Amino acid sequence: MVLNSEQSRHIAPPMLTGLMVLWALLSQLLFSDTHFALSHAVGFYPVLLLFPVVVILHGHLIWQARGMDRLDQAVYALIHSLLSFVVWTFSLMHVNGNSFS
């Protein structure tokens, strides 16, 4: 199955949310032993930047849509951004090391 450009634009925000989860899990595994500030930055800052990128991509999808497709994109952006915010928050807590305490 080959994705066309429109399908790849629509799948980009959920893929970045998945990347957020994978990076949080992998960075905790890779950098949990070290106490260097650089290893914390390498794990923390990419996750910190992914949610604003997701929101910007949704804004771009809304901007490119025409007619009633804008409403569809706005609902998609609202639902996914709210869910992505929750994932982003827990990913930041996981990368930070003191997850739920």
C-alpha atoms as a PDB file:
ATOM      1  CA  MET A   1       0.000   0.000   0.000  1.00  0.00           C
ATOM      2  CA  VAL A   2       1.422   3.333  -1.078  1.00  0.00           C
ATOM      3  CA  LEU A   3       0.370   6.560   0.617  1.00  0.00           C
ATOM      4  CA  ASN A   4      -0.343   9.596  -1.497  1.00  0.00           C
ATOM      5  CA  SER A   5       0.609  13.077  -0.324  1.00  0.00           C
ATOM      6  CA  GLU A   6      -2.816  13.861   1.157  1.00  0.00           C
ATOM      7  CA  GLN A   7      -2.862  10.668   3.187  1.00  0.00           C
ATOM      8  CA  SER A   8       0.652  11.290   4.454  1.00  0.00           C
ATOM      9  CA  ARG A   9      -0.321  14.795   5.565  1.00  0.00           C
ATOM     10  CA  HIS A  10      -3.295  13.439   7.506  1.00  0.00           C
ATOM     11  CA  ILE A  11      -1.275  10.710   9.209  1.00  0.00           C
ATOM     12  CA  ALA A  12       1.647  12.948  10.252  1.00  0.00           C
ATOM     13  CA  PRO A  13       0.194  14.247  13.578  1.00  0.00           C
ATOM     14  CA  PRO A  14      -0.723  10.771  14.932  1.00  0.00           C
ATOM     15  CA  MET A  15       2.654   9.433  13.816  1.00  0.00           C
ATOM     16  CA  LEU A  16       4.387  12.213  15.754  1.00  0.00           C
ATOM     17  CA  THR A  17       2.318  11.319  18.810  1.00  0.00           C
ATOM     18  CA  GLY A  18       3.473   7.726  18.442  1.00  0.00           C
ATOM     19  CA  LEU A  19       7.048   8.936  18.042  1.00  0.00           C
ATOM     20  CA  MET A  20       6.598  10.906  21.263  1.00  0.00           C
ATOM     21  CA  VAL A  21       5.723   7.726  23.149  1.00  0.00           C
ATOM     22  CA  LEU A  22       8.527   5.714  21.566  1.00  0.00           C
ATOM     23  CA  TRP A  23      11.116   8.402  22.279  1.00  0.00           C
ATOM     24  CA  ALA A  24       9.979   8.695  25.902  1.00  0.00           C
ATOM     25  CA  LEU A  25      10.301   4.943  26.411  1.00  0.00           C
ATOM     26  CA  LEU A  26      13.610   4.608  24.567  1.00  0.00           C
ATOM     27  CA  SER A  27      15.256   7.645  26.128  1.00  0.00           C
ATOM     28  CA  GLN A  28      14.354   6.424  29.605  1.00  0.00           C
ATOM     29  CA  LEU A  29      15.921   3.051  28.797  1.00  0.00           C
ATOM     30  CA  LEU A  30      19.032   4.524  27.176  1.00  0.00           C
ATOM     31  CA  PHE A  31      19.749   7.452  29.493  1.00  0.00           C
ATOM     32  CA  SER A  32      18.389   6.293  32.865  1.00  0.00           C
ATOM     33  CA  ASP A  33      21.837   5.284  34.195  1.00  0.00           C
ATOM     34  CA  THR A  34      23.612   8.522  33.401  1.00  0.00           C
ATOM     35  CA  HIS A  35      23.402  11.690  35.449  1.00  0.00           C
ATOM     36  CA  PHE A  36      24.794  14.049  32.818  1.00  0.00           C
ATOM     37  CA  ALA A  37      22.822  17.118  31.855  1.00  0.00           C
ATOM     38  CA  LEU A  38      23.378  16.404  28.160  1.00  0.00           C
ATOM     39  CA  SER A  39      21.700  12.995  28.341  1.00  0.00           C
ATOM     40  CA  HIS A  40      18.729  14.567  30.112  1.00  0.00           C
ATOM     41  CA  ALA A  41      18.522  17.253  27.431  1.00  0.00           C
ATOM     42  CA  VAL A  42      18.715  14.695  24.616  1.00  0.00           C
ATOM     43  CA  GLY A  43      15.803  12.809  26.157  1.00  0.00           C
ATOM     44  CA  PHE A  44      13.703  15.764  27.307  1.00  0.00           C
ATOM     45  CA  TYR A  45      13.805  18.469  24.647  1.00  0.00           C
ATOM     46  CA  PRO A  46      12.666  16.407  21.632  1.00  0.00           C
ATOM     47  CA  VAL A  47       9.574  15.353  23.593  1.00  0.00           C
ATOM     48  CA  LEU A  48       9.061  18.946  24.685  1.00  0.00           C
ATOM     49  CA  LEU A  49       9.014  20.133  21.063  1.00  0.00           C
ATOM     50  CA  LEU A  50       6.795  17.408  19.588  1.00  0.00           C
ATOM     51  CA  PHE A  51       3.435  18.634  20.916  1.00  0.00           C
ATOM     52  CA  PRO A  52       3.784  22.157  19.464  1.00  0.00           C
ATOM     53  CA  VAL A  53       4.772  20.541  16.150  1.00  0.00           C
ATOM     54  CA  VAL A  54       1.598  18.420  16.261  1.00  0.00           C
ATOM     55  CA  VAL A  55      -0.512  21.533  16.875  1.00  0.00           C
ATOM     56  CA  ILE A  56       1.239  23.411  14.037  1.00  0.00           C
ATOM     57  CA  LEU A  57       0.643  20.494  11.661  1.00  0.00           C
ATOM     58  CA  HIS A  58      -3.042  20.485  12.562  1.00  0.00           C
ATOM     59  CA  GLY A  59      -3.196  24.224  11.911  1.00  0.00           C
ATOM     60  CA  HIS A  60      -1.583  23.623   8.532  1.00  0.00           C
ATOM     61  CA  LEU A  61      -4.166  20.936   7.718  1.00  0.00           C
ATOM     62  CA  ILE A  62      -6.996  23.298   8.647  1.00  0.00           C
ATOM     63  CA  TRP A  63      -5.460  26.088   6.565  1.00  0.00           C
ATOM     64  CA  GLN A  64      -5.147  23.882   3.473  1.00  0.00           C
ATOM     65  CA  ALA A  65      -8.665  22.441   3.683  1.00  0.00           C
ATOM     66  CA  ARG A  66     -11.514  23.986   1.703  1.00  0.00           C
ATOM     67  CA  GLY A  67     -15.209  24.340   2.489  1.00  0.00           C
ATOM     68  CA  MET A  68     -16.706  21.827   4.905  1.00  0.00           C
ATOM     69  CA  ASP A  69     -13.403  19.959   5.006  1.00  0.00           C
ATOM     70  CA  ARG A  70     -12.170  22.731   7.296  1.00  0.00           C
ATOM     71  CA  LEU A  71     -14.772  21.786   9.869  1.00  0.00           C
ATOM     72  CA  ASP A  72     -13.718  18.140   9.582  1.00  0.00           C
ATOM     73  CA  GLN A  73     -10.077  19.096  10.054  1.00  0.00           C
ATOM     74  CA  ALA A  74     -10.939  21.344  12.996  1.00  0.00           C
ATOM     75  CA  VAL A  75     -12.791  18.525  14.777  1.00  0.00           C
ATOM     76  CA  TYR A  76      -9.934  16.131  13.994  1.00  0.00           C
ATOM     77  CA  ALA A  77      -7.439  18.682  15.349  1.00  0.00           C
ATOM     78  CA  LEU A  78      -9.449  19.308  18.504  1.00  0.00           C
ATOM     79  CA  ILE A  79      -9.851  15.636  19.370  1.00  0.00           C
ATOM     80  CA  HIS A  80      -6.300  14.640  18.493  1.00  0.00           C
ATOM     81  CA  SER A  81      -4.719  17.671  20.178  1.00  0.00           C
ATOM     82  CA  LEU A  82      -6.527  16.950  23.432  1.00  0.00           C
ATOM     83  CA  LEU A  83      -5.455  13.306  23.366  1.00  0.00           C
ATOM     84  CA  SER A  84      -1.944  14.232  22.287  1.00  0.00           C
ATOM     85  CA  PHE A  85      -1.673  16.710  25.166  1.00  0.00           C
ATOM     86  CA  VAL A  86      -2.366  13.924  27.656  1.00  0.00           C
ATOM     87  CA  VAL A  87       0.206  11.669  25.971  1.00  0.00           C
ATOM     88  CA  TRP A  88       2.687  14.571  25.891  1.00  0.00           C
ATOM     89  CA  THR A  89       2.237  15.257  29.603  1.00  0.00           C
ATOM     90  CA  PHE A  90       2.835  11.647  30.591  1.00  0.00           C
ATOM     91  CA  SER A  91       5.772  11.388  28.170  1.00  0.00           C
ATOM     92  CA  LEU A  92       7.402  14.427  29.767  1.00  0.00           C
ATOM     93  CA  MET A  93       6.886  12.958  33.215  1.00  0.00           C
ATOM     94  CA  HIS A  94       8.333   9.635  32.088  1.00  0.00           C
ATOM     95  CA  VAL A  95      11.419  11.216  30.500  1.00  0.00           C
ATOM     96  CA  ASN A  96      11.927  13.443  33.515  1.00  0.00           C
ATOM     97  CA  GLY A  97      12.431  10.368  35.655  1.00  0.00           C
ATOM     98  CA  ASN A  98      10.093  11.088  38.540  1.00  0.00           C
ATOM     99  CA  SER A  99       6.990  10.037  36.678  1.00  0.00           C
ATOM    100  CA  PHE A 100       4.193   9.911  39.175  1.00  0.00           C
ATOM    101  CA  SER A 101       5.713  11.170  42.382  1.00  0.00           C
END
